[in-house]
């Protein structure tokens, strides 16, 4: 999508920690703005531009297709 992919982290809570604690590998992927401030995350008016949702859906679909057909 024209941007380099970097490994980053943000201080958010997910249930992924329970899977990781049980030895199950975890990868989290999120759609939307690059920062918590841009997304207005965890507030009543959290933002996710529809175009970003479409891109994320396509990315996940293509990744699953590649993983499941190889």
PDB file of N, CA and C in Angstrom:
ATOM      1  N   UNK A   1       0.816  -1.193   0.000  1.00  0.00           N
ATOM      2  CA  UNK A   1       0.000   0.000   0.000  1.00  0.00           C
ATOM      3  C   UNK A   1       0.855   1.250   0.000  1.00  0.00           C
ATOM      4  N   UNK A   2       2.100   1.053  -0.391  1.00  0.00           N
ATOM      5  CA  UNK A   2       2.966   2.201  -0.543  1.00  0.00           C
ATOM      6  C   UNK A   2       3.668   2.672   0.709  1.00  0.00           C
ATOM      7  N   UNK A   3       3.569   1.918   1.795  1.00  0.00           N
ATOM      8  CA  UNK A   3       4.238   2.314   3.032  1.00  0.00           C
ATOM      9  C   UNK A   3       5.080   1.160   3.551  1.00  0.00           C
ATOM     10  N   UNK A   4       6.258   1.436   4.072  1.00  0.00           N
ATOM     11  CA  UNK A   4       7.046   0.361   4.676  1.00  0.00           C
ATOM     12  C   UNK A   4       6.330  -0.190   5.910  1.00  0.00           C
ATOM     13  N   UNK A   5       6.473  -1.481   6.118  1.00  0.00           N
ATOM     14  CA  UNK A   5       5.838  -2.130   7.268  1.00  0.00           C
ATOM     15  C   UNK A   5       6.869  -2.242   8.388  1.00  0.00           C
ATOM     16  N   UNK A   6       6.541  -1.682   9.525  1.00  0.00           N
ATOM     17  CA  UNK A   6       7.450  -1.719  10.670  1.00  0.00           C
ATOM     18  C   UNK A   6       6.791  -2.469  11.821  1.00  0.00           C
ATOM     19  N   UNK A   7       7.612  -3.068  12.642  1.00  0.00           N
ATOM     20  CA  UNK A   7       7.114  -3.689  13.858  1.00  0.00           C
ATOM     21  C   UNK A   7       7.032  -2.602  14.915  1.00  0.00           C
ATOM     22  N   UNK A   8       5.848  -2.416  15.467  1.00  0.00           N
ATOM     23  CA  UNK A   8       5.663  -1.370  16.464  1.00  0.00           C
ATOM     24  C   UNK A   8       4.799  -1.905  17.594  1.00  0.00           C
ATOM     25  N   UNK A   9       4.721  -1.161  18.634  1.00  0.00           N
ATOM     26  CA  UNK A   9       3.872  -1.544  19.750  1.00  0.00           C
ATOM     27  C   UNK A   9       3.178  -0.325  20.336  1.00  0.00           C
ATOM     28  N   UNK A  10       1.996  -0.560  20.853  1.00  0.00           N
ATOM     29  CA  UNK A  10       1.260   0.494  21.539  1.00  0.00           C
ATOM     30  C   UNK A  10       0.699  -0.093  22.825  1.00  0.00           C
ATOM     31  N   UNK A  11       0.569   0.719  23.852  1.00  0.00           N
ATOM     32  CA  UNK A  11       0.116   0.210  25.153  1.00  0.00           C
ATOM     33  C   UNK A  11      -1.409   0.024  25.198  1.00  0.00           C
ATOM     34  N   UNK A  12      -1.883  -1.052  24.608  1.00  0.00           N
ATOM     35  CA  UNK A  12      -3.307  -1.348  24.603  1.00  0.00           C
ATOM     36  C   UNK A  12      -3.544  -2.710  25.238  1.00  0.00           C
ATOM     37  N   UNK A  13      -4.755  -2.962  25.662  1.00  0.00           N
ATOM     38  CA  UNK A  13      -5.096  -4.234  26.276  1.00  0.00           C
ATOM     39  C   UNK A  13      -5.810  -5.118  25.262  1.00  0.00           C
ATOM     40  N   UNK A  14      -5.370  -6.351  25.140  1.00  0.00           N
ATOM     41  CA  UNK A  14      -6.078  -7.349  24.340  1.00  0.00           C
ATOM     42  C   UNK A  14      -6.031  -8.671  25.093  1.00  0.00           C
ATOM     43  N   UNK A  15      -6.842  -9.599  24.664  1.00  0.00           N
ATOM     44  CA  UNK A  15      -6.815 -10.940  25.245  1.00  0.00           C
ATOM     45  C   UNK A  15      -5.663 -11.774  24.709  1.00  0.00           C
ATOM     46  N   UNK A  16      -4.893 -11.221  23.786  1.00  0.00           N
ATOM     47  CA  UNK A  16      -3.778 -11.956  23.193  1.00  0.00           C
ATOM     48  C   UNK A  16      -2.779 -12.414  24.250  1.00  0.00           C
ATOM     49  N   UNK A  17      -2.666 -11.694  25.333  1.00  0.00           N
ATOM     50  CA  UNK A  17      -1.709 -12.076  26.380  1.00  0.00           C
ATOM     51  C   UNK A  17      -2.016 -13.455  26.946  1.00  0.00           C
ATOM     52  N   UNK A  18      -3.300 -13.822  26.973  1.00  0.00           N
ATOM     53  CA  UNK A  18      -3.676 -15.139  27.491  1.00  0.00           C
ATOM     54  C   UNK A  18      -3.194 -16.252  26.553  1.00  0.00           C
ATOM     55  N   UNK A  19      -3.319 -16.012  25.248  1.00  0.00           N
ATOM     56  CA  UNK A  19      -2.835 -16.986  24.266  1.00  0.00           C
ATOM     57  C   UNK A  19      -1.311 -17.098  24.339  1.00  0.00           C
ATOM     58  N   UNK A  20      -0.645 -15.968  24.418  1.00  0.00           N
ATOM     59  CA  UNK A  20       0.813 -15.967  24.503  1.00  0.00           C
ATOM     60  C   UNK A  20       1.287 -16.692  25.754  1.00  0.00           C
ATOM     61  N   UNK A  21       0.592 -16.484  26.861  1.00  0.00           N
ATOM     62  CA  UNK A  21       0.957 -17.157  28.109  1.00  0.00           C
ATOM     63  C   UNK A  21       0.789 -18.678  28.001  1.00  0.00           C
ATOM     64  N   UNK A  22      -0.122 -19.112  27.124  1.00  0.00           N
ATOM     65  CA  UNK A  22      -0.339 -20.548  26.924  1.00  0.00           C
ATOM     66  C   UNK A  22       0.589 -21.116  25.846  1.00  0.00           C
ATOM     67  N   UNK A  23       1.500 -20.279  25.341  1.00  0.00           N
ATOM     68  CA  UNK A  23       2.467 -20.742  24.357  1.00  0.00           C
ATOM     69  C   UNK A  23       1.985 -20.672  22.916  1.00  0.00           C
ATOM     70  N   UNK A  24       0.867 -20.015  22.681  1.00  0.00           N
ATOM     71  CA  UNK A  24       0.334 -19.875  21.325  1.00  0.00           C
ATOM     72  C   UNK A  24       0.866 -18.576  20.725  1.00  0.00           C
ATOM     73  N   UNK A  25       1.551 -18.662  19.577  1.00  0.00           N
ATOM     74  CA  UNK A  25       2.084 -17.441  18.960  1.00  0.00           C
ATOM     75  C   UNK A  25       0.956 -16.460  18.612  1.00  0.00           C
ATOM     76  N   UNK A  26       1.229 -15.194  18.778  1.00  0.00           N
ATOM     77  CA  UNK A  26       0.218 -14.167  18.558  1.00  0.00           C
ATOM     78  C   UNK A  26       0.785 -13.071  17.666  1.00  0.00           C
ATOM     79  N   UNK A  27      -0.016 -12.646  16.704  1.00  0.00           N
ATOM     80  CA  UNK A  27       0.281 -11.471  15.899  1.00  0.00           C
ATOM     81  C   UNK A  27      -0.972 -10.612  15.916  1.00  0.00           C
ATOM     82  N   UNK A  28      -0.816  -9.365  16.268  1.00  0.00           N
ATOM     83  CA  UNK A  28      -1.948  -8.440  16.251  1.00  0.00           C
ATOM     84  C   UNK A  28      -1.801  -7.525  15.045  1.00  0.00           C
ATOM     85  N   UNK A  29      -2.895  -7.304  14.379  1.00  0.00           N
ATOM     86  CA  UNK A  29      -2.900  -6.427  13.206  1.00  0.00           C
ATOM     87  C   UNK A  29      -4.044  -5.454  13.375  1.00  0.00           C
ATOM     88  N   UNK A  30      -3.767  -4.193  13.206  1.00  0.00           N
ATOM     89  CA  UNK A  30      -4.812  -3.204  13.373  1.00  0.00           C
ATOM     90  C   UNK A  30      -4.955  -2.314  12.158  1.00  0.00           C
ATOM     91  N   UNK A  31      -6.159  -1.890  11.918  1.00  0.00           N
ATOM     92  CA  UNK A  31      -6.447  -0.974  10.821  1.00  0.00           C
ATOM     93  C   UNK A  31      -6.607   0.428  11.363  1.00  0.00           C
ATOM     94  N   UNK A  32      -6.349   1.391  10.517  1.00  0.00           N
ATOM     95  CA  UNK A  32      -6.642   2.760  10.903  1.00  0.00           C
ATOM     96  C   UNK A  32      -5.426   3.634  11.087  1.00  0.00           C
ATOM     97  N   UNK A  33      -5.631   4.763  11.734  1.00  0.00           N
ATOM     98  CA  UNK A  33      -4.554   5.728  11.941  1.00  0.00           C
ATOM     99  C   UNK A  33      -3.347   5.111  12.649  1.00  0.00           C
ATOM    100  N   UNK A  34      -2.214   5.747  12.467  1.00  0.00           N
ATOM    101  CA  UNK A  34      -0.952   5.216  12.984  1.00  0.00           C
ATOM    102  C   UNK A  34      -0.712   5.472  14.462  1.00  0.00           C
ATOM    103  N   UNK A  35      -1.442   6.381  15.044  1.00  0.00           N
ATOM    104  CA  UNK A  35      -1.223   6.671  16.463  1.00  0.00           C
ATOM    105  C   UNK A  35      -2.545   6.639  17.225  1.00  0.00           C
ATOM    106  N   UNK A  36      -2.434   6.454  18.519  1.00  0.00           N
ATOM    107  CA  UNK A  36      -3.612   6.455  19.383  1.00  0.00           C
ATOM    108  C   UNK A  36      -4.314   7.812  19.311  1.00  0.00           C
ATOM    109  N   UNK A  37      -3.523   8.890  19.232  1.00  0.00           N
ATOM    110  CA  UNK A  37      -4.107  10.226  19.183  1.00  0.00           C
ATOM    111  C   UNK A  37      -4.889  10.438  17.895  1.00  0.00           C
ATOM    112  N   UNK A  38      -4.314  10.012  16.754  1.00  0.00           N
ATOM    113  CA  UNK A  38      -5.011  10.171  15.465  1.00  0.00           C
ATOM    114  C   UNK A  38      -6.327   9.393  15.436  1.00  0.00           C
ATOM    115  N   UNK A  39      -6.331   8.236  16.066  1.00  0.00           N
ATOM    116  CA  UNK A  39      -7.514   7.385  16.068  1.00  0.00           C
ATOM    117  C   UNK A  39      -8.518   7.798  17.137  1.00  0.00           C
ATOM    118  N   UNK A  40      -8.075   8.650  18.051  1.00  0.00           N
ATOM    119  CA  UNK A  40      -8.902   8.995  19.212  1.00  0.00           C
ATOM    120  C   UNK A  40      -9.310   7.713  19.942  1.00  0.00           C
ATOM    121  N   UNK A  41      -8.339   6.843  20.090  1.00  0.00           N
ATOM    122  CA  UNK A  41      -8.578   5.479  20.576  1.00  0.00           C
ATOM    123  C   UNK A  41      -9.153   5.430  21.989  1.00  0.00           C
ATOM    124  N   UNK A  42     -10.002   4.446  22.179  1.00  0.00           N
ATOM    125  CA  UNK A  42     -10.634   4.148  23.467  1.00  0.00           C
ATOM    126  C   UNK A  42     -11.482   5.298  24.001  1.00  0.00           C
ATOM    127  N   UNK A  43     -12.056   6.039  23.098  1.00  0.00           N
ATOM    128  CA  UNK A  43     -12.970   7.115  23.463  1.00  0.00           C
ATOM    129  C   UNK A  43     -14.289   6.893  22.729  1.00  0.00           C
ATOM    130  N   UNK A  44     -15.309   7.608  23.129  1.00  0.00           N
ATOM    131  CA  UNK A  44     -16.639   7.429  22.537  1.00  0.00           C
ATOM    132  C   UNK A  44     -16.645   7.719  21.038  1.00  0.00           C
ATOM    133  N   UNK A  45     -15.729   8.556  20.562  1.00  0.00           N
ATOM    134  CA  UNK A  45     -15.693   8.899  19.138  1.00  0.00           C
ATOM    135  C   UNK A  45     -14.416   8.385  18.462  1.00  0.00           C
ATOM    136  N   UNK A  46     -14.042   7.145  18.791  1.00  0.00           N
ATOM    137  CA  UNK A  46     -12.885   6.522  18.158  1.00  0.00           C
ATOM    138  C   UNK A  46     -13.083   6.512  16.647  1.00  0.00           C
ATOM    139  N   UNK A  47     -12.005   6.740  15.896  1.00  0.00           N
ATOM    140  CA  UNK A  47     -12.102   6.885  14.449  1.00  0.00           C
ATOM    141  C   UNK A  47     -11.394   5.760  13.699  1.00  0.00           C
ATOM    142  N   UNK A  48     -12.041   5.311  12.638  1.00  0.00           N
ATOM    143  CA  UNK A  48     -11.442   4.381  11.684  1.00  0.00           C
ATOM    144  C   UNK A  48     -11.971   4.767  10.310  1.00  0.00           C
ATOM    145  N   UNK A  49     -11.142   5.411   9.498  1.00  0.00           N
ATOM    146  CA  UNK A  49     -11.605   5.762   8.158  1.00  0.00           C
ATOM    147  C   UNK A  49     -12.019   4.501   7.381  1.00  0.00           C
ATOM    148  N   UNK A  50     -13.120   4.582   6.678  1.00  0.00           N
ATOM    149  CA  UNK A  50     -13.647   3.435   5.953  1.00  0.00           C
ATOM    150  C   UNK A  50     -12.633   2.896   4.945  1.00  0.00           C
ATOM    151  N   UNK A  51     -11.880   3.767   4.300  1.00  0.00           N
ATOM    152  CA  UNK A  51     -10.853   3.317   3.343  1.00  0.00           C
ATOM    153  C   UNK A  51      -9.809   2.444   4.046  1.00  0.00           C
ATOM    154  N   UNK A  52      -9.459   2.778   5.286  1.00  0.00           N
ATOM    155  CA  UNK A  52      -8.495   1.972   6.044  1.00  0.00           C
ATOM    156  C   UNK A  52      -9.077   0.602   6.368  1.00  0.00           C
ATOM    157  N   UNK A  53     -10.359   0.546   6.687  1.00  0.00           N
ATOM    158  CA  UNK A  53     -11.014  -0.732   6.953  1.00  0.00           C
ATOM    159  C   UNK A  53     -11.006  -1.609   5.708  1.00  0.00           C
ATOM    160  N   UNK A  54     -11.276  -1.020   4.554  1.00  0.00           N
ATOM    161  CA  UNK A  54     -11.242  -1.783   3.305  1.00  0.00           C
ATOM    162  C   UNK A  54      -9.836  -2.328   3.025  1.00  0.00           C
ATOM    163  N   UNK A  55      -8.814  -1.493   3.225  1.00  0.00           N
ATOM    164  CA  UNK A  55      -7.426  -1.933   3.009  1.00  0.00           C
ATOM    165  C   UNK A  55      -7.063  -3.077   3.954  1.00  0.00           C
ATOM    166  N   UNK A  56      -7.450  -2.952   5.214  1.00  0.00           N
ATOM    167  CA  UNK A  56      -7.133  -3.986   6.200  1.00  0.00           C
ATOM    168  C   UNK A  56      -7.843  -5.288   5.858  1.00  0.00           C
ATOM    169  N   UNK A  57      -9.095  -5.208   5.420  1.00  0.00           N
ATOM    170  CA  UNK A  57      -9.851  -6.398   5.047  1.00  0.00           C
ATOM    171  C   UNK A  57      -9.182  -7.103   3.876  1.00  0.00           C
ATOM    172  N   UNK A  58      -8.758  -6.337   2.883  1.00  0.00           N
ATOM    173  CA  UNK A  58      -8.069  -6.913   1.725  1.00  0.00           C
ATOM    174  C   UNK A  58      -6.745  -7.551   2.146  1.00  0.00           C
ATOM    175  N   UNK A  59      -6.002  -6.874   3.006  1.00  0.00           N
ATOM    176  CA  UNK A  59      -4.717  -7.403   3.476  1.00  0.00           C
ATOM    177  C   UNK A  59      -4.902  -8.735   4.194  1.00  0.00           C
ATOM    178  N   UNK A  60      -5.869  -8.804   5.084  1.00  0.00           N
ATOM    179  CA  UNK A  60      -6.111 -10.047   5.827  1.00  0.00           C
ATOM    180  C   UNK A  60      -6.587 -11.149   4.894  1.00  0.00           C
ATOM    181  N   UNK A  61      -7.489 -10.834   3.967  1.00  0.00           N
ATOM    182  CA  UNK A  61      -7.985 -11.835   3.026  1.00  0.00           C
ATOM    183  C   UNK A  61      -6.866 -12.398   2.162  1.00  0.00           C
ATOM    184  N   UNK A  62      -6.007 -11.531   1.628  1.00  0.00           N
ATOM    185  CA  UNK A  62      -4.908 -11.999   0.792  1.00  0.00           C
ATOM    186  C   UNK A  62      -3.882 -12.797   1.593  1.00  0.00           C
ATOM    187  N   UNK A  63      -3.639 -12.391   2.837  1.00  0.00           N
ATOM    188  CA  UNK A  63      -2.704 -13.128   3.694  1.00  0.00           C
ATOM    189  C   UNK A  63      -3.238 -14.507   3.998  1.00  0.00           C
ATOM    190  N   UNK A  64      -4.516 -14.606   4.367  1.00  0.00           N
ATOM    191  CA  UNK A  64      -5.108 -15.915   4.642  1.00  0.00           C
ATOM    192  C   UNK A  64      -5.120 -16.802   3.411  1.00  0.00           C
ATOM    193  N   UNK A  65      -5.431 -16.226   2.244  1.00  0.00           N
ATOM    194  CA  UNK A  65      -5.432 -17.007   1.009  1.00  0.00           C
ATOM    195  C   UNK A  65      -4.041 -17.570   0.734  1.00  0.00           C
ATOM    196  N   UNK A  66      -3.010 -16.733   0.935  1.00  0.00           N
ATOM    197  CA  UNK A  66      -1.634 -17.185   0.706  1.00  0.00           C
ATOM    198  C   UNK A  66      -1.238 -18.276   1.703  1.00  0.00           C
ATOM    199  N   UNK A  67      -1.598 -18.096   2.959  1.00  0.00           N
ATOM    200  CA  UNK A  67      -1.221 -19.077   3.980  1.00  0.00           C
ATOM    201  C   UNK A  67      -1.960 -20.404   3.808  1.00  0.00           C
ATOM    202  N   UNK A  68      -3.210 -20.338   3.396  1.00  0.00           N
ATOM    203  CA  UNK A  68      -4.025 -21.550   3.311  1.00  0.00           C
ATOM    204  C   UNK A  68      -3.875 -22.308   1.993  1.00  0.00           C
ATOM    205  N   UNK A  69      -3.246 -21.693   0.980  1.00  0.00           N
ATOM    206  CA  UNK A  69      -3.071 -22.380  -0.288  1.00  0.00           C
ATOM    207  C   UNK A  69      -1.631 -22.805  -0.553  1.00  0.00           C
ATOM    208  N   UNK A  70      -0.729 -22.473   0.351  1.00  0.00           N
ATOM    209  CA  UNK A  70       0.669 -22.861   0.126  1.00  0.00           C
ATOM    210  C   UNK A  70       0.993 -24.217   0.678  1.00  0.00           C
TER     211      UNK A  70
END
